[in-house]
């Protein structure tokens, strides 16, 4: 939340216990992503990424 309050455009908090990602957005809006959910990416970055992909890479 500190980063969000101080101008960060997007934060991801990874929870390895349940393989989920919390997305924290400006104005401290929070969204939960799981499994095949596509993560929101900064507009200037052309990338599609799912929660499953992140945790697959981390477990490799």
Protein backbone atom coordinates (compact mmCIF):
# COMPACT_ATOMS: atom_id res chain seq x y z
CA UNK A 1 0.00 0.00 0.00
CA UNK A 2 2.94 2.31 0.65
CA UNK A 3 4.03 2.08 -2.99
CA UNK A 4 0.49 2.70 -4.23
CA UNK A 5 0.15 5.79 -2.04
CA UNK A 6 3.44 7.10 -3.41
CA UNK A 7 2.83 6.90 -7.14
CA UNK A 8 3.44 3.30 -8.20
CA UNK A 9 1.14 2.49 -11.10
CA UNK A 10 0.82 -1.24 -10.38
CA UNK A 11 1.91 -3.63 -7.64
CA UNK A 12 1.62 -7.41 -7.64
CA UNK A 13 1.74 -9.30 -4.37
CA UNK A 14 2.38 -13.02 -4.96
CA UNK A 15 1.01 -15.55 -2.49
CA UNK A 16 2.77 -18.88 -3.02
CA UNK A 17 0.55 -20.70 -0.48
CA UNK A 18 -2.54 -20.53 -2.67
CA UNK A 19 -0.83 -19.46 -5.91
CA UNK A 20 -2.70 -16.19 -6.17
CA UNK A 21 -1.73 -12.62 -7.03
CA UNK A 22 -3.13 -9.45 -5.52
CA UNK A 23 -3.00 -6.53 -7.91
CA UNK A 24 -2.83 -3.13 -6.19
CA UNK A 25 -3.72 -0.18 -8.40
CA UNK A 26 -3.73 3.61 -8.01
CA UNK A 27 -6.19 4.81 -5.38
CA UNK A 28 -5.43 1.51 -3.59
CA UNK A 29 -7.96 -0.58 -5.52
CA UNK A 30 -7.13 -4.27 -4.97
CA UNK A 31 -8.03 -7.24 -7.18
CA UNK A 32 -7.39 -10.95 -6.62
CA UNK A 33 -6.15 -13.09 -9.53
CA UNK A 34 -5.98 -16.90 -9.57
CA UNK A 35 -5.27 -19.73 -12.00
CA UNK A 36 -5.86 -18.79 -15.64
CA UNK A 37 -6.75 -15.17 -14.80
CA UNK A 38 -4.86 -12.71 -17.00
CA UNK A 39 -2.97 -10.12 -14.99
CA UNK A 40 -3.38 -6.47 -15.78
CA UNK A 41 -0.15 -5.06 -17.20
CA UNK A 42 0.96 -1.46 -17.57
CA UNK A 43 -0.36 -0.01 -20.83
CA UNK A 44 3.12 0.64 -22.20
CA UNK A 45 4.07 -3.06 -21.95
CA UNK A 46 2.73 -5.47 -24.57
CA UNK A 47 2.47 -8.73 -22.64
CA UNK A 48 -0.18 -11.28 -21.71
CA UNK A 49 0.55 -13.10 -18.50
CA UNK A 50 -1.52 -15.41 -16.29
CA UNK A 51 -1.14 -16.35 -12.66
CA UNK A 52 -0.45 -19.95 -13.69
CA UNK A 53 2.44 -18.81 -15.89
CA UNK A 54 4.08 -16.88 -13.07
CA UNK A 55 3.93 -19.76 -10.62
CA UNK A 56 5.06 -22.28 -13.26
CA UNK A 57 8.14 -20.13 -13.90
CA UNK A 58 8.84 -19.73 -10.19
CA UNK A 59 8.60 -23.48 -9.55
CA UNK A 60 10.99 -24.34 -12.44
